[in-house]
Amino acid sequence: MKYTYTPKGVCSQKFELDVENNIIKKLVITGGCPGNTMAVCKLVEGQTLDWAIQRLKGIDCRGRGTSCADQVAQFFESIKK
């Protein structure tokens, strides 16, 4: 199933996710720091939503109280609800 999400409080502008049976098939992050966002996408592909949430939730970027990685975790949590 495909989902989109607009992150809040970070440089990235849009997340696009393809997930099947709780397994992340593909994540695309538009905007943000290219190296970091590409790394996050590569690291979560093939993993479960829970695995990614556990590792990414709560990461802070420059005192913002969130980060692109944290926003990905929040996105994944919203899908699970």
C-alpha atoms as a PDB file:
ATOM      1  CA  MET A   1       0.000   0.000   0.000  1.00  0.00           C
ATOM      2  CA  LYS A   2       1.247   3.490  -0.786  1.00  0.00           C
ATOM      3  CA  TYR A   3       1.182   6.409   1.640  1.00  0.00           C
ATOM      4  CA  THR A   4       2.336  10.030   1.595  1.00  0.00           C
ATOM      5  CA  TYR A   5       3.142  12.305   4.519  1.00  0.00           C
ATOM      6  CA  THR A   6       4.033  15.963   4.970  1.00  0.00           C
ATOM      7  CA  PRO A   7       6.667  16.273   7.725  1.00  0.00           C
ATOM      8  CA  LYS A   8       6.564  19.122  10.239  1.00  0.00           C
ATOM      9  CA  GLY A   9       9.440  21.167  11.668  1.00  0.00           C
ATOM     10  CA  VAL A  10      12.159  19.814   9.357  1.00  0.00           C
ATOM     11  CA  CYS A  11      13.762  20.662   6.003  1.00  0.00           C
ATOM     12  CA  SER A  12      12.258  17.755   4.075  1.00  0.00           C
ATOM     13  CA  GLN A  13       8.929  18.417   2.354  1.00  0.00           C
ATOM     14  CA  LYS A  14       7.355  15.048   1.549  1.00  0.00           C
ATOM     15  CA  PHE A  15       7.673  11.343   2.349  1.00  0.00           C
ATOM     16  CA  GLU A  16       6.364   8.612   0.050  1.00  0.00           C
ATOM     17  CA  LEU A  17       6.125   5.056   1.352  1.00  0.00           C
ATOM     18  CA  ASP A  18       5.324   1.690  -0.174  1.00  0.00           C
ATOM     19  CA  VAL A  19       4.681  -0.965   2.476  1.00  0.00           C
ATOM     20  CA  GLU A  20       3.382  -4.553   2.234  1.00  0.00           C
ATOM     21  CA  ASN A  21       2.554  -6.781   5.206  1.00  0.00           C
ATOM     22  CA  ASN A  22       4.321  -4.364   7.584  1.00  0.00           C
ATOM     23  CA  ILE A  23       7.530  -4.562   5.485  1.00  0.00           C
ATOM     24  CA  ILE A  24       8.914  -1.327   4.028  1.00  0.00           C
ATOM     25  CA  LYS A  25       9.363  -1.812   0.283  1.00  0.00           C
ATOM     26  CA  LYS A  26      10.425   1.742  -0.594  1.00  0.00           C
ATOM     27  CA  LEU A  27      10.720   5.108   1.137  1.00  0.00           C
ATOM     28  CA  VAL A  28      11.394   8.333  -0.770  1.00  0.00           C
ATOM     29  CA  ILE A  29      12.121  11.582   1.079  1.00  0.00           C
ATOM     30  CA  THR A  30      11.863  14.822  -0.894  1.00  0.00           C
ATOM     31  CA  GLY A  31      14.014  17.674   0.410  1.00  0.00           C
ATOM     32  CA  GLY A  32      16.211  17.702   3.477  1.00  0.00           C
ATOM     33  CA  CYS A  33      19.906  16.835   3.667  1.00  0.00           C
ATOM     34  CA  PRO A  34      20.439  14.487   0.702  1.00  0.00           C
ATOM     35  CA  GLY A  35      23.028  12.211   2.309  1.00  0.00           C
ATOM     36  CA  ASN A  36      21.060  11.765   5.508  1.00  0.00           C
ATOM     37  CA  THR A  37      17.682  11.258   3.869  1.00  0.00           C
ATOM     38  CA  MET A  38      19.083   8.769   1.334  1.00  0.00           C
ATOM     39  CA  ALA A  39      20.720   6.859   4.192  1.00  0.00           C
ATOM     40  CA  VAL A  40      17.459   6.693   6.156  1.00  0.00           C
ATOM     41  CA  CYS A  41      15.632   5.402   3.065  1.00  0.00           C
ATOM     42  CA  LYS A  42      18.242   2.702   2.386  1.00  0.00           C
ATOM     43  CA  LEU A  43      18.389   1.613   6.026  1.00  0.00           C
ATOM     44  CA  VAL A  44      14.635   1.110   6.453  1.00  0.00           C
ATOM     45  CA  GLU A  45      13.932  -0.671   3.162  1.00  0.00           C
ATOM     46  CA  GLY A  46      13.267  -4.349   3.815  1.00  0.00           C
ATOM     47  CA  GLN A  47      12.646  -3.742   7.533  1.00  0.00           C
ATOM     48  CA  THR A  48       9.373  -3.733   9.466  1.00  0.00           C
ATOM     49  CA  LEU A  49       7.627  -0.527  10.453  1.00  0.00           C
ATOM     50  CA  ASP A  50       8.223  -1.415  14.124  1.00  0.00           C
ATOM     51  CA  TRP A  51      11.971  -1.888  13.561  1.00  0.00           C
ATOM     52  CA  ALA A  52      12.241   1.544  11.941  1.00  0.00           C
ATOM     53  CA  ILE A  53      10.106   3.271  14.581  1.00  0.00           C
ATOM     54  CA  GLN A  54      12.206   1.820  17.397  1.00  0.00           C
ATOM     55  CA  ARG A  55      15.448   3.105  15.879  1.00  0.00           C
ATOM     56  CA  LEU A  56      14.385   6.486  14.473  1.00  0.00           C
ATOM     57  CA  LYS A  57      11.919   7.840  17.031  1.00  0.00           C
ATOM     58  CA  GLY A  58      13.223  10.704  19.154  1.00  0.00           C
ATOM     59  CA  ILE A  59      16.262  11.663  17.053  1.00  0.00           C
ATOM     60  CA  ASP A  60      16.725  15.441  17.243  1.00  0.00           C
ATOM     61  CA  CYS A  61      18.188  17.785  14.623  1.00  0.00           C
ATOM     62  CA  ARG A  62      19.740  21.029  15.850  1.00  0.00           C
ATOM     63  CA  GLY A  63      17.462  21.420  18.872  1.00  0.00           C
ATOM     64  CA  ARG A  64      14.250  21.335  16.846  1.00  0.00           C
ATOM     65  CA  GLY A  65      12.733  18.596  18.974  1.00  0.00           C
ATOM     66  CA  THR A  66      12.438  16.438  15.859  1.00  0.00           C
ATOM     67  CA  SER A  67      14.395  15.459  12.741  1.00  0.00           C
ATOM     68  CA  CYS A  68      13.709  13.903   9.360  1.00  0.00           C
ATOM     69  CA  ALA A  69      14.367  10.496  10.935  1.00  0.00           C
ATOM     70  CA  ASP A  70      11.986  11.249  13.822  1.00  0.00           C
ATOM     71  CA  GLN A  71       9.353  12.457  11.352  1.00  0.00           C
ATOM     72  CA  VAL A  72       9.709   9.159   9.462  1.00  0.00           C
ATOM     73  CA  ALA A  73       9.044   7.325  12.748  1.00  0.00           C
ATOM     74  CA  GLN A  74       5.985   9.509  13.395  1.00  0.00           C
ATOM     75  CA  PHE A  75       4.758   8.821   9.848  1.00  0.00           C
ATOM     76  CA  PHE A  76       5.142   5.081  10.360  1.00  0.00           C
ATOM     77  CA  GLU A  77       3.335   5.267  13.712  1.00  0.00           C
ATOM     78  CA  SER A  78       0.423   7.082  12.065  1.00  0.00           C
ATOM     79  CA  ILE A  79       0.085   4.241   9.539  1.00  0.00           C
ATOM     80  CA  LYS A  80      -0.039   1.614  12.276  1.00  0.00           C
ATOM     81  CA  LYS A  81      -2.962   3.322  14.069  1.00  0.00           C
END
